[in-house]
Amino acid sequence: MAPVCDNTDNTPYYSPPSQNTSIKEKVKDTDKNQIQIYPNPTTGELHITMEHAPLWEDAVIEIYSVVGQKLLSQNSPFEGGRGMSEITIDVSHLANGMYFLKIENQVVKFVKQ
């Protein structure tokens, strides 16, 4: 996002994203302790490892194209419990390219080869 200067001393600051911000603009560095995906790049299966699985029980897992088209949406199969949980999503049907995996407010880039 470009700096905005609308104060009297022309000091740049970043305005917060609007509600209409696209999925591409929402990509941010993910807390490595909460969500991990591998292999990346992948050829067919994408493994998602989540820490603190009970927090993700009611989450929705979504995959988006680089132009923001939702390609997959499913309820999280993470179960209650402690520690790490892992799920696998088959992405072999996707064309080769870059995609975004979104779980709640976490967005992670991955590449399908």
PDB file of N, CA and C in Angstrom:
ATOM      1  N   MET A   1       0.853  -1.167   0.000  1.00  0.00           N
ATOM      2  CA  MET A   1       0.000   0.000   0.000  1.00  0.00           C
ATOM      3  C   MET A   1       0.899   1.231   0.000  1.00  0.00           C
ATOM      4  N   ALA A   2       0.589   2.190  -0.781  1.00  0.00           N
ATOM      5  CA  ALA A   2       1.398   3.398  -0.914  1.00  0.00           C
ATOM      6  C   ALA A   2       1.190   4.326   0.276  1.00  0.00           C
ATOM      7  N   PRO A   3       2.230   5.081   0.645  1.00  0.00           N
ATOM      8  CA  PRO A   3       2.082   6.032   1.741  1.00  0.00           C
ATOM      9  C   PRO A   3       1.089   7.135   1.391  1.00  0.00           C
ATOM     10  N   VAL A   4       0.418   7.593   2.388  1.00  0.00           N
ATOM     11  CA  VAL A   4      -0.548   8.678   2.222  1.00  0.00           C
ATOM     12  C   VAL A   4      -0.050   9.871   3.026  1.00  0.00           C
ATOM     13  N   CYS A   5       0.001  11.044   2.421  1.00  0.00           N
ATOM     14  CA  CYS A   5       0.434  12.254   3.121  1.00  0.00           C
ATOM     15  C   CYS A   5      -0.728  13.237   3.134  1.00  0.00           C
ATOM     16  N   ASP A   6      -1.408  13.308   4.240  1.00  0.00           N
ATOM     17  CA  ASP A   6      -2.464  14.303   4.309  1.00  0.00           C
ATOM     18  C   ASP A   6      -2.450  15.014   5.659  1.00  0.00           C
ATOM     19  N   ASN A   7      -1.283  15.023   6.281  1.00  0.00           N
ATOM     20  CA  ASN A   7      -1.148  15.794   7.505  1.00  0.00           C
ATOM     21  C   ASN A   7      -0.298  17.035   7.212  1.00  0.00           C
ATOM     22  N   THR A   8      -0.189  17.919   8.144  1.00  0.00           N
ATOM     23  CA  THR A   8       0.447  19.209   7.879  1.00  0.00           C
ATOM     24  C   THR A   8       1.949  19.137   7.665  1.00  0.00           C
ATOM     25  N   ASP A   9       2.637  18.184   8.277  1.00  0.00           N
ATOM     26  CA  ASP A   9       4.089  18.125   8.091  1.00  0.00           C
ATOM     27  C   ASP A   9       4.504  17.139   6.994  1.00  0.00           C
ATOM     28  N   ASN A  10       3.551  16.620   6.228  1.00  0.00           N
ATOM     29  CA  ASN A  10       3.787  15.711   5.116  1.00  0.00           C
ATOM     30  C   ASN A  10       4.534  14.433   5.506  1.00  0.00           C
ATOM     31  N   THR A  11       4.384  14.010   6.754  1.00  0.00           N
ATOM     32  CA  THR A  11       4.966  12.740   7.176  1.00  0.00           C
ATOM     33  C   THR A  11       4.095  11.607   6.641  1.00  0.00           C
ATOM     34  N   PRO A  12       4.693  10.666   5.872  1.00  0.00           N
ATOM     35  CA  PRO A  12       3.876   9.589   5.320  1.00  0.00           C
ATOM     36  C   PRO A  12       3.400   8.618   6.401  1.00  0.00           C
ATOM     37  N   TYR A  13       2.227   8.102   6.251  1.00  0.00           N
ATOM     38  CA  TYR A  13       1.713   7.041   7.092  1.00  0.00           C
ATOM     39  C   TYR A  13       0.869   6.132   6.216  1.00  0.00           C
ATOM     40  N   TYR A  14       0.620   4.952   6.689  1.00  0.00           N
ATOM     41  CA  TYR A  14      -0.139   3.976   5.910  1.00  0.00           C
ATOM     42  C   TYR A  14      -1.566   3.946   6.403  1.00  0.00           C
ATOM     43  N   SER A  15      -2.488   4.111   5.477  1.00  0.00           N
ATOM     44  CA  SER A  15      -3.885   4.046   5.857  1.00  0.00           C
ATOM     45  C   SER A  15      -4.299   2.586   5.971  1.00  0.00           C
ATOM     46  N   PRO A  16      -5.216   2.263   6.869  1.00  0.00           N
ATOM     47  CA  PRO A  16      -5.641   0.870   7.026  1.00  0.00           C
ATOM     48  C   PRO A  16      -6.404   0.403   5.789  1.00  0.00           C
ATOM     49  N   PRO A  17      -6.352  -0.909   5.505  1.00  0.00           N
ATOM     50  CA  PRO A  17      -7.083  -1.413   4.346  1.00  0.00           C
ATOM     51  C   PRO A  17      -8.583  -1.270   4.538  1.00  0.00           C
ATOM     52  N   SER A  18      -9.275  -1.047   3.445  1.00  0.00           N
ATOM     53  CA  SER A  18     -10.728  -0.917   3.516  1.00  0.00           C
ATOM     54  C   SER A  18     -11.367  -2.290   3.554  1.00  0.00           C
ATOM     55  N   GLN A  19     -12.663  -2.326   3.813  1.00  0.00           N
ATOM     56  CA  GLN A  19     -13.408  -3.588   3.818  1.00  0.00           C
ATOM     57  C   GLN A  19     -13.414  -4.228   2.438  1.00  0.00           C
ATOM     58  N   ASN A  20     -13.213  -3.447   1.390  1.00  0.00           N
ATOM     59  CA  ASN A  20     -13.260  -3.961   0.023  1.00  0.00           C
ATOM     60  C   ASN A  20     -11.882  -4.390  -0.490  1.00  0.00           C
ATOM     61  N   THR A  21     -10.921  -4.521   0.407  1.00  0.00           N
ATOM     62  CA  THR A  21      -9.578  -4.913   0.017  1.00  0.00           C
ATOM     63  C   THR A  21      -9.603  -6.327  -0.552  1.00  0.00           C
ATOM     64  N   SER A  22      -8.907  -6.545  -1.665  1.00  0.00           N
ATOM     65  CA  SER A  22      -8.902  -7.862  -2.291  1.00  0.00           C
ATOM     66  C   SER A  22      -8.058  -8.834  -1.488  1.00  0.00           C
ATOM     67  N   ILE A  23      -8.236 -10.131  -1.762  1.00  0.00           N
ATOM     68  CA  ILE A  23      -7.484 -11.171  -1.061  1.00  0.00           C
ATOM     69  C   ILE A  23      -5.988 -11.000  -1.285  1.00  0.00           C
ATOM     70  N   LYS A  24      -5.591 -10.524  -2.473  1.00  0.00           N
ATOM     71  CA  LYS A  24      -4.162 -10.333  -2.744  1.00  0.00           C
ATOM     72  C   LYS A  24      -3.568  -9.285  -1.815  1.00  0.00           C
ATOM     73  N   GLU A  25      -4.320  -8.259  -1.491  1.00  0.00           N
ATOM     74  CA  GLU A  25      -3.820  -7.189  -0.645  1.00  0.00           C
ATOM     75  C   GLU A  25      -3.804  -7.578   0.823  1.00  0.00           C
ATOM     76  N   LYS A  26      -4.526  -8.627   1.189  1.00  0.00           N
ATOM     77  CA  LYS A  26      -4.587  -9.044   2.579  1.00  0.00           C
ATOM     78  C   LYS A  26      -3.464 -10.004   2.954  1.00  0.00           C
ATOM     79  N   VAL A  27      -2.673 -10.433   1.980  1.00  0.00           N
ATOM     80  CA  VAL A  27      -1.598 -11.373   2.270  1.00  0.00           C
ATOM     81  C   VAL A  27      -0.601 -10.712   3.211  1.00  0.00           C
ATOM     82  N   LYS A  28      -0.243 -11.425   4.233  1.00  0.00           N
ATOM     83  CA  LYS A  28       0.715 -10.913   5.199  1.00  0.00           C
ATOM     84  C   LYS A  28       1.561 -12.061   5.696  1.00  0.00           C
ATOM     85  N   ASP A  29       2.626 -11.746   6.375  1.00  0.00           N
ATOM     86  CA  ASP A  29       3.441 -12.802   6.952  1.00  0.00           C
ATOM     87  C   ASP A  29       2.626 -13.506   8.020  1.00  0.00           C
ATOM     88  N   THR A  30       2.587 -14.808   7.935  1.00  0.00           N
ATOM     89  CA  THR A  30       1.801 -15.606   8.869  1.00  0.00           C
ATOM     90  C   THR A  30       2.656 -15.971  10.071  1.00  0.00           C
ATOM     91  N   ASP A  31       2.047 -16.006  11.219  1.00  0.00           N
ATOM     92  CA  ASP A  31       2.725 -16.452  12.415  1.00  0.00           C
ATOM     93  C   ASP A  31       3.096 -17.917  12.214  1.00  0.00           C
ATOM     94  N   LYS A  32       4.375 -18.194  12.105  1.00  0.00           N
ATOM     95  CA  LYS A  32       4.852 -19.537  11.783  1.00  0.00           C
ATOM     96  C   LYS A  32       4.458 -20.558  12.844  1.00  0.00           C
ATOM     97  N   ASN A  33       4.118 -20.130  14.043  1.00  0.00           N
ATOM     98  CA  ASN A  33       3.731 -21.057  15.096  1.00  0.00           C
ATOM     99  C   ASN A  33       2.272 -21.476  15.007  1.00  0.00           C
ATOM    100  N   GLN A  34       1.496 -20.862  14.154  1.00  0.00           N
ATOM    101  CA  GLN A  34       0.080 -21.194  14.083  1.00  0.00           C
ATOM    102  C   GLN A  34      -0.280 -22.021  12.863  1.00  0.00           C
ATOM    103  N   ILE A  35       0.210 -21.683  11.697  1.00  0.00           N
ATOM    104  CA  ILE A  35      -0.153 -22.404  10.481  1.00  0.00           C
ATOM    105  C   ILE A  35       1.089 -22.634   9.634  1.00  0.00           C
ATOM    106  N   GLN A  36       1.234 -23.869   9.177  1.00  0.00           N
ATOM    107  CA  GLN A  36       2.337 -24.218   8.282  1.00  0.00           C
ATOM    108  C   GLN A  36       1.767 -25.075   7.162  1.00  0.00           C
ATOM    109  N   ILE A  37       2.270 -24.870   5.940  1.00  0.00           N
ATOM    110  CA  ILE A  37       1.855 -25.708   4.823  1.00  0.00           C
ATOM    111  C   ILE A  37       3.094 -26.301   4.163  1.00  0.00           C
ATOM    112  N   TYR A  38       2.943 -27.530   3.683  1.00  0.00           N
ATOM    113  CA  TYR A  38       4.033 -28.192   2.974  1.00  0.00           C
ATOM    114  C   TYR A  38       3.455 -29.321   2.138  1.00  0.00           C
ATOM    115  N   PRO A  39       4.118 -29.799   1.120  1.00  0.00           N
ATOM    116  CA  PRO A  39       5.261 -29.150   0.502  1.00  0.00           C
ATOM    117  C   PRO A  39       4.811 -27.904  -0.251  1.00  0.00           C
ATOM    118  N   ASN A  40       5.698 -26.981  -0.387  1.00  0.00           N
ATOM    119  CA  ASN A  40       5.397 -25.752  -1.110  1.00  0.00           C
ATOM    120  C   ASN A  40       6.630 -25.371  -1.915  1.00  0.00           C
ATOM    121  N   PRO A  41       6.620 -25.621  -3.200  1.00  0.00           N
ATOM    122  CA  PRO A  41       5.485 -25.947  -4.077  1.00  0.00           C
ATOM    123  C   PRO A  41       5.034 -27.400  -3.915  1.00  0.00           C
ATOM    124  N   THR A  42       3.797 -27.644  -4.328  1.00  0.00           N
ATOM    125  CA  THR A  42       3.198 -28.968  -4.245  1.00  0.00           C
ATOM    126  C   THR A  42       2.807 -29.446  -5.637  1.00  0.00           C
ATOM    127  N   THR A  43       2.688 -30.759  -5.771  1.00  0.00           N
ATOM    128  CA  THR A  43       2.227 -31.322  -7.044  1.00  0.00           C
ATOM    129  C   THR A  43       0.840 -31.938  -6.907  1.00  0.00           C
ATOM    130  N   GLY A  44       0.359 -32.113  -5.690  1.00  0.00           N
ATOM    131  CA  GLY A  44      -0.953 -32.739  -5.550  1.00  0.00           C
ATOM    132  C   GLY A  44      -1.590 -32.577  -4.200  1.00  0.00           C
ATOM    133  N   GLU A  45      -0.873 -32.886  -3.139  1.00  0.00           N
ATOM    134  CA  GLU A  45      -1.439 -32.778  -1.802  1.00  0.00           C
ATOM    135  C   GLU A  45      -0.768 -31.646  -1.044  1.00  0.00           C
ATOM    136  N   LEU A  46      -1.578 -30.905  -0.327  1.00  0.00           N
ATOM    137  CA  LEU A  46      -1.093 -29.804   0.499  1.00  0.00           C
ATOM    138  C   LEU A  46      -1.392 -30.180   1.949  1.00  0.00           C
ATOM    139  N   HIS A  47      -0.348 -30.279   2.758  1.00  0.00           N
ATOM    140  CA  HIS A  47      -0.501 -30.614   4.170  1.00  0.00           C
ATOM    141  C   HIS A  47      -0.522 -29.316   4.965  1.00  0.00           C
ATOM    142  N   ILE A  48      -1.512 -29.197   5.825  1.00  0.00           N
ATOM    143  CA  ILE A  48      -1.669 -27.999   6.652  1.00  0.00           C
ATOM    144  C   ILE A  48      -1.533 -28.420   8.105  1.00  0.00           C
ATOM    145  N   THR A  49      -0.588 -27.825   8.788  1.00  0.00           N
ATOM    146  CA  THR A  49      -0.368 -28.111  10.198  1.00  0.00           C
ATOM    147  C   THR A  49      -0.752 -26.879  10.999  1.00  0.00           C
ATOM    148  N   MET A  50      -1.598 -27.093  11.993  1.00  0.00           N
ATOM    149  CA  MET A  50      -2.074 -25.994  12.824  1.00  0.00           C
ATOM    150  C   MET A  50      -1.720 -26.259  14.274  1.00  0.00           C
ATOM    151  N   GLU A  51      -1.236 -25.229  14.927  1.00  0.00           N
ATOM    152  CA  GLU A  51      -1.007 -25.298  16.354  1.00  0.00           C
ATOM    153  C   GLU A  51      -2.272 -24.788  17.034  1.00  0.00           C
ATOM    154  N   HIS A  52      -2.547 -25.264  18.211  1.00  0.00           N
ATOM    155  CA  HIS A  52      -3.745 -24.859  18.968  1.00  0.00           C
ATOM    156  C   HIS A  52      -5.011 -25.199  18.188  1.00  0.00           C
ATOM    157  N   ALA A  53      -5.132 -26.435  17.772  1.00  0.00           N
ATOM    158  CA  ALA A  53      -6.242 -26.883  16.934  1.00  0.00           C
ATOM    159  C   ALA A  53      -7.633 -26.511  17.449  1.00  0.00           C
ATOM    160  N   PRO A  54      -7.908 -26.502  18.763  1.00  0.00           N
ATOM    161  CA  PRO A  54      -9.263 -26.142  19.195  1.00  0.00           C
ATOM    162  C   PRO A  54      -9.705 -24.765  18.717  1.00  0.00           C
ATOM    163  N   LEU A  55      -8.752 -23.861  18.489  1.00  0.00           N
ATOM    164  CA  LEU A  55      -9.098 -22.526  18.019  1.00  0.00           C
ATOM    165  C   LEU A  55      -9.604 -22.543  16.581  1.00  0.00           C
ATOM    166  N   TRP A  56      -9.324 -23.608  15.836  1.00  0.00           N
ATOM    167  CA  TRP A  56      -9.634 -23.670  14.414  1.00  0.00           C
ATOM    168  C   TRP A  56     -10.809 -24.601  14.110  1.00  0.00           C
ATOM    169  N   GLU A  57     -11.483 -25.150  15.122  1.00  0.00           N
ATOM    170  CA  GLU A  57     -12.555 -26.124  14.904  1.00  0.00           C
ATOM    171  C   GLU A  57     -13.663 -25.603  13.996  1.00  0.00           C
ATOM    172  N   ASP A  58     -14.062 -24.369  14.151  1.00  0.00           N
ATOM    173  CA  ASP A  58     -15.172 -23.822  13.377  1.00  0.00           C
ATOM    174  C   ASP A  58     -14.707 -22.987  12.187  1.00  0.00           C
ATOM    175  N   ALA A  59     -13.437 -23.068  11.863  1.00  0.00           N
ATOM    176  CA  ALA A  59     -12.881 -22.266  10.773  1.00  0.00           C
ATOM    177  C   ALA A  59     -13.318 -22.800   9.414  1.00  0.00           C
ATOM    178  N   VAL A  60     -13.269 -21.938   8.427  1.00  0.00           N
ATOM    179  CA  VAL A  60     -13.523 -22.310   7.040  1.00  0.00           C
ATOM    180  C   VAL A  60     -12.204 -22.207   6.292  1.00  0.00           C
ATOM    181  N   ILE A  61     -11.875 -23.247   5.537  1.00  0.00           N
ATOM    182  CA  ILE A  61     -10.649 -23.264   4.744  1.00  0.00           C
ATOM    183  C   ILE A  61     -11.023 -22.899   3.316  1.00  0.00           C
ATOM    184  N   GLU A  62     -10.334 -21.909   2.752  1.00  0.00           N
ATOM    185  CA  GLU A  62     -10.634 -21.449   1.399  1.00  0.00           C
ATOM    186  C   GLU A  62      -9.353 -21.367   0.590  1.00  0.00           C
ATOM    187  N   ILE A  63      -9.464 -21.646  -0.708  1.00  0.00           N
ATOM    188  CA  ILE A  63      -8.348 -21.470  -1.635  1.00  0.00           C
ATOM    189  C   ILE A  63      -8.802 -20.497  -2.705  1.00  0.00           C
ATOM    190  N   TYR A  64      -7.939 -19.496  -2.981  1.00  0.00           N
ATOM    191  CA  TYR A  64      -8.227 -18.459  -3.957  1.00  0.00           C
ATOM    192  C   TYR A  64      -7.165 -18.455  -5.048  1.00  0.00           C
ATOM    193  N   SER A  65      -7.573 -18.079  -6.242  1.00  0.00           N
ATOM    194  CA  SER A  65      -6.621 -17.847  -7.333  1.00  0.00           C
ATOM    195  C   SER A  65      -5.960 -16.497  -7.110  1.00  0.00           C
ATOM    196  N   VAL A  66      -4.955 -16.175  -7.931  1.00  0.00           N
ATOM    197  CA  VAL A  66      -4.272 -14.886  -7.783  1.00  0.00           C
ATOM    198  C   VAL A  66      -5.161 -13.714  -8.162  1.00  0.00           C
ATOM    199  N   VAL A  67      -6.252 -13.962  -8.868  1.00  0.00           N
ATOM    200  CA  VAL A  67      -7.174 -12.876  -9.215  1.00  0.00           C
ATOM    201  C   VAL A  67      -8.330 -12.782  -8.219  1.00  0.00           C
ATOM    202  N   GLY A  68      -8.250 -13.573  -7.127  1.00  0.00           N
ATOM    203  CA  GLY A  68      -9.251 -13.482  -6.070  1.00  0.00           C
ATOM    204  C   GLY A  68     -10.466 -14.361  -6.238  1.00  0.00           C
ATOM    205  N   GLN A  69     -10.457 -15.287  -7.196  1.00  0.00           N
ATOM    206  CA  GLN A  69     -11.593 -16.198  -7.399  1.00  0.00           C
ATOM    207  C   GLN A  69     -11.514 -17.328  -6.381  1.00  0.00           C
ATOM    208  N   LYS A  70     -12.604 -17.546  -5.623  1.00  0.00           N
ATOM    209  CA  LYS A  70     -12.641 -18.625  -4.644  1.00  0.00           C
ATOM    210  C   LYS A  70     -12.779 -19.949  -5.384  1.00  0.00           C
ATOM    211  N   LEU A  71     -11.831 -20.860  -5.162  1.00  0.00           N
ATOM    212  CA  LEU A  71     -11.813 -22.138  -5.859  1.00  0.00           C
ATOM    213  C   LEU A  71     -12.219 -23.306  -4.968  1.00  0.00           C
ATOM    214  N   LEU A  72     -12.092 -23.138  -3.667  1.00  0.00           N
ATOM    215  CA  LEU A  72     -12.437 -24.200  -2.735  1.00  0.00           C
ATOM    216  C   LEU A  72     -12.882 -23.568  -1.434  1.00  0.00           C
ATOM    217  N   SER A  73     -13.885 -24.154  -0.824  1.00  0.00           N
ATOM    218  CA  SER A  73     -14.335 -23.715   0.494  1.00  0.00           C
ATOM    219  C   SER A  73     -14.842 -24.947   1.230  1.00  0.00           C
ATOM    220  N   GLN A  74     -14.272 -25.210   2.404  1.00  0.00           N
ATOM    221  CA  GLN A  74     -14.714 -26.350   3.194  1.00  0.00           C
ATOM    222  C   GLN A  74     -14.582 -26.026   4.662  1.00  0.00           C
ATOM    223  N   ASN A  75     -15.412 -26.669   5.464  1.00  0.00           N
ATOM    224  CA  ASN A  75     -15.310 -26.494   6.905  1.00  0.00           C
ATOM    225  C   ASN A  75     -14.046 -27.169   7.400  1.00  0.00           C
ATOM    226  N   SER A  76     -13.459 -26.604   8.418  1.00  0.00           N
ATOM    227  CA  SER A  76     -12.227 -27.136   8.967  1.00  0.00           C
ATOM    228  C   SER A  76     -12.473 -28.492   9.621  1.00  0.00           C
ATOM    229  N   PRO A  77     -11.665 -29.487   9.270  1.00  0.00           N
ATOM    230  CA  PRO A  77     -11.794 -30.785   9.932  1.00  0.00           C
ATOM    231  C   PRO A  77     -10.940 -30.889  11.189  1.00  0.00           C
ATOM    232  N   PHE A  78     -10.329 -29.775  11.624  1.00  0.00           N
ATOM    233  CA  PHE A  78      -9.516 -29.826  12.839  1.00  0.00           C
ATOM    234  C   PHE A  78     -10.411 -30.171  14.016  1.00  0.00           C
ATOM    235  N   GLU A  79      -9.932 -31.057  14.852  1.00  0.00           N
ATOM    236  CA  GLU A  79     -10.706 -31.507  16.000  1.00  0.00           C
ATOM    237  C   GLU A  79     -10.144 -30.885  17.258  1.00  0.00           C
ATOM    238  N   GLY A  80     -10.965 -30.893  18.288  1.00  0.00           N
ATOM    239  CA  GLY A  80     -10.525 -30.386  19.578  1.00  0.00           C
ATOM    240  C   GLY A  80      -9.347 -31.185  20.092  1.00  0.00           C
ATOM    241  N   GLY A  81      -8.655 -30.647  21.007  1.00  0.00           N
ATOM    242  CA  GLY A  81      -7.475 -31.304  21.541  1.00  0.00           C
ATOM    243  C   GLY A  81      -6.378 -30.298  21.747  1.00  0.00           C
ATOM    244  N   ARG A  82      -5.254 -30.787  22.128  1.00  0.00           N
ATOM    245  CA  ARG A  82      -4.130 -29.901  22.403  1.00  0.00           C
ATOM    246  C   ARG A  82      -3.027 -30.145  21.393  1.00  0.00           C
ATOM    247  N   GLY A  83      -2.168 -29.164  21.255  1.00  0.00           N
ATOM    248  CA  GLY A  83      -1.009 -29.329  20.402  1.00  0.00           C
ATOM    249  C   GLY A  83      -1.310 -29.173  18.931  1.00  0.00           C
ATOM    250  N   MET A  84      -0.518 -29.859  18.112  1.00  0.00           N
ATOM    251  CA  MET A  84      -0.583 -29.718  16.666  1.00  0.00           C
ATOM    252  C   MET A  84      -1.624 -30.655  16.067  1.00  0.00           C
ATOM    253  N   SER A  85      -2.228 -30.220  14.983  1.00  0.00           N
ATOM    254  CA  SER A  85      -3.113 -31.055  14.184  1.00  0.00           C
ATOM    255  C   SER A  85      -2.745 -30.846  12.734  1.00  0.00           C
ATOM    256  N   GLU A  86      -2.937 -31.874  11.925  1.00  0.00           N
ATOM    257  CA  GLU A  86      -2.598 -31.790  10.509  1.00  0.00           C
ATOM    258  C   GLU A  86      -3.745 -32.320   9.668  1.00  0.00           C
ATOM    259  N   ILE A  87      -3.988 -31.638   8.552  1.00  0.00           N
ATOM    260  CA  ILE A  87      -4.956 -32.113   7.565  1.00  0.00           C
ATOM    261  C   ILE A  87      -4.281 -32.083   6.203  1.00  0.00           C
ATOM    262  N   THR A  88      -4.879 -32.787   5.259  1.00  0.00           N
ATOM    263  CA  THR A  88      -4.370 -32.820   3.890  1.00  0.00           C
ATOM    264  C   THR A  88      -5.488 -32.417   2.947  1.00  0.00           C
ATOM    265  N   ILE A  89      -5.171 -31.532   2.002  1.00  0.00           N
ATOM    266  CA  ILE A  89      -6.135 -31.112   0.984  1.00  0.00           C
ATOM    267  C   ILE A  89      -5.572 -31.495  -0.371  1.00  0.00           C
ATOM    268  N   ASP A  90      -6.399 -32.145  -1.187  1.00  0.00           N
ATOM    269  CA  ASP A  90      -6.001 -32.525  -2.539  1.00  0.00           C
ATOM    270  C   ASP A  90      -6.161 -31.318  -3.455  1.00  0.00           C
ATOM    271  N   VAL A  91      -5.055 -30.850  -4.011  1.00  0.00           N
ATOM    272  CA  VAL A  91      -5.087 -29.712  -4.941  1.00  0.00           C
ATOM    273  C   VAL A  91      -4.619 -30.137  -6.331  1.00  0.00           C
ATOM    274  N   SER A  92      -4.613 -31.440  -6.587  1.00  0.00           N
ATOM    275  CA  SER A  92      -4.120 -31.945  -7.874  1.00  0.00           C
ATOM    276  C   SER A  92      -4.981 -31.466  -9.038  1.00  0.00           C
ATOM    277  N   HIS A  93      -6.234 -31.134  -8.787  1.00  0.00           N
ATOM    278  CA  HIS A  93      -7.136 -30.667  -9.842  1.00  0.00           C
ATOM    279  C   HIS A  93      -6.872 -29.220 -10.251  1.00  0.00           C
ATOM    280  N   LEU A  94      -6.086 -28.491  -9.451  1.00  0.00           N
ATOM    281  CA  LEU A  94      -5.788 -27.096  -9.786  1.00  0.00           C
ATOM    282  C   LEU A  94      -4.720 -27.020 -10.870  1.00  0.00           C
ATOM    283  N   ALA A  95      -4.825 -26.013 -11.716  1.00  0.00           N
ATOM    284  CA  ALA A  95      -3.799 -25.774 -12.732  1.00  0.00           C
ATOM    285  C   ALA A  95      -2.522 -25.310 -12.040  1.00  0.00           C
ATOM    286  N   ASN A  96      -1.395 -25.496 -12.702  1.00  0.00           N
ATOM    287  CA  ASN A  96      -0.134 -25.018 -12.141  1.00  0.00           C
ATOM    288  C   ASN A  96      -0.193 -23.505 -11.967  1.00  0.00           C
ATOM    289  N   GLY A  97       0.316 -23.018 -10.856  1.00  0.00           N
ATOM    290  CA  GLY A  97       0.321 -21.583 -10.602  1.00  0.00           C
ATOM    291  C   GLY A  97       0.371 -21.270  -9.125  1.00  0.00           C
ATOM    292  N   MET A  98       0.193 -20.002  -8.792  1.00  0.00           N
ATOM    293  CA  MET A  98       0.219 -19.538  -7.414  1.00  0.00           C
ATOM    294  C   MET A  98      -1.203 -19.390  -6.895  1.00  0.00           C
ATOM    295  N   TYR A  99      -1.403 -19.750  -5.624  1.00  0.00           N
ATOM    296  CA  TYR A  99      -2.707 -19.708  -4.984  1.00  0.00           C
ATOM    297  C   TYR A  99      -2.556 -19.158  -3.568  1.00  0.00           C
ATOM    298  N   PHE A 100      -3.699 -18.830  -2.959  1.00  0.00           N
ATOM    299  CA  PHE A 100      -3.725 -18.356  -1.589  1.00  0.00           C
ATOM    300  C   PHE A 100      -4.636 -19.264  -0.784  1.00  0.00           C
ATOM    301  N   LEU A 101      -4.112 -19.762   0.323  1.00  0.00           N
ATOM    302  CA  LEU A 101      -4.886 -20.555   1.258  1.00  0.00           C
ATOM    303  C   LEU A 101      -5.287 -19.635   2.398  1.00  0.00           C
ATOM    304  N   LYS A 102      -6.567 -19.607   2.715  1.00  0.00           N
ATOM    305  CA  LYS A 102      -7.054 -18.718   3.770  1.00  0.00           C
ATOM    306  C   LYS A 102      -7.795 -19.545   4.811  1.00  0.00           C
ATOM    307  N   ILE A 103      -7.394 -19.366   6.062  1.00  0.00           N
ATOM    308  CA  ILE A 103      -8.099 -19.962   7.197  1.00  0.00           C
ATOM    309  C   ILE A 103      -8.305 -18.840   8.197  1.00  0.00           C
ATOM    310  N   GLU A 104      -9.561 -18.471   8.387  1.00  0.00           N
ATOM    311  CA  GLU A 104      -9.898 -17.326   9.236  1.00  0.00           C
ATOM    312  C   GLU A 104      -9.138 -16.105   8.738  1.00  0.00           C
ATOM    313  N   ASN A 105      -8.310 -15.486   9.568  1.00  0.00           N
ATOM    314  CA  ASN A 105      -7.589 -14.283   9.145  1.00  0.00           C
ATOM    315  C   ASN A 105      -6.159 -14.593   8.710  1.00  0.00           C
ATOM    316  N   GLN A 106      -5.820 -15.859   8.574  1.00  0.00           N
ATOM    317  CA  GLN A 106      -4.490 -16.269   8.142  1.00  0.00           C
ATOM    318  C   GLN A 106      -4.511 -16.548   6.638  1.00  0.00           C
ATOM    319  N   VAL A 107      -3.590 -15.950   5.895  1.00  0.00           N
ATOM    320  CA  VAL A 107      -3.490 -16.168   4.452  1.00  0.00           C
ATOM    321  C   VAL A 107      -2.051 -16.575   4.136  1.00  0.00           C
ATOM    322  N   VAL A 108      -1.907 -17.682   3.391  1.00  0.00           N
ATOM    323  CA  VAL A 108      -0.593 -18.206   3.053  1.00  0.00           C
ATOM    324  C   VAL A 108      -0.548 -18.469   1.543  1.00  0.00           C
ATOM    325  N   LYS A 109       0.536 -18.054   0.901  1.00  0.00           N
ATOM    326  CA  LYS A 109       0.723 -18.337  -0.527  1.00  0.00           C
ATOM    327  C   LYS A 109       1.251 -19.754  -0.687  1.00  0.00           C
ATOM    328  N   PHE A 110       0.796 -20.424  -1.784  1.00  0.00           N
ATOM    329  CA  PHE A 110       1.423 -21.682  -2.140  1.00  0.00           C
ATOM    330  C   PHE A 110       1.424 -21.790  -3.655  1.00  0.00           C
ATOM    331  N   VAL A 111       2.310 -22.672  -4.164  1.00  0.00           N
ATOM    332  CA  VAL A 111       2.451 -22.859  -5.594  1.00  0.00           C
ATOM    333  C   VAL A 111       2.123 -24.301  -5.934  1.00  0.00           C
ATOM    334  N   LYS A 112       1.299 -24.477  -6.966  1.00  0.00           N
ATOM    335  CA  LYS A 112       0.979 -25.808  -7.507  1.00  0.00           C
ATOM    336  C   LYS A 112       1.801 -25.993  -8.748  1.00  0.00           C
ATOM    337  N   GLN A 113       2.584 -27.097  -8.806  1.00  0.00           N
ATOM    338  CA  GLN A 113       3.399 -27.399  -9.982  1.00  0.00           C
ATOM    339  C   GLN A 113       2.817 -28.556 -10.741  1.00  0.00           C
TER     340      GLN A 113
END
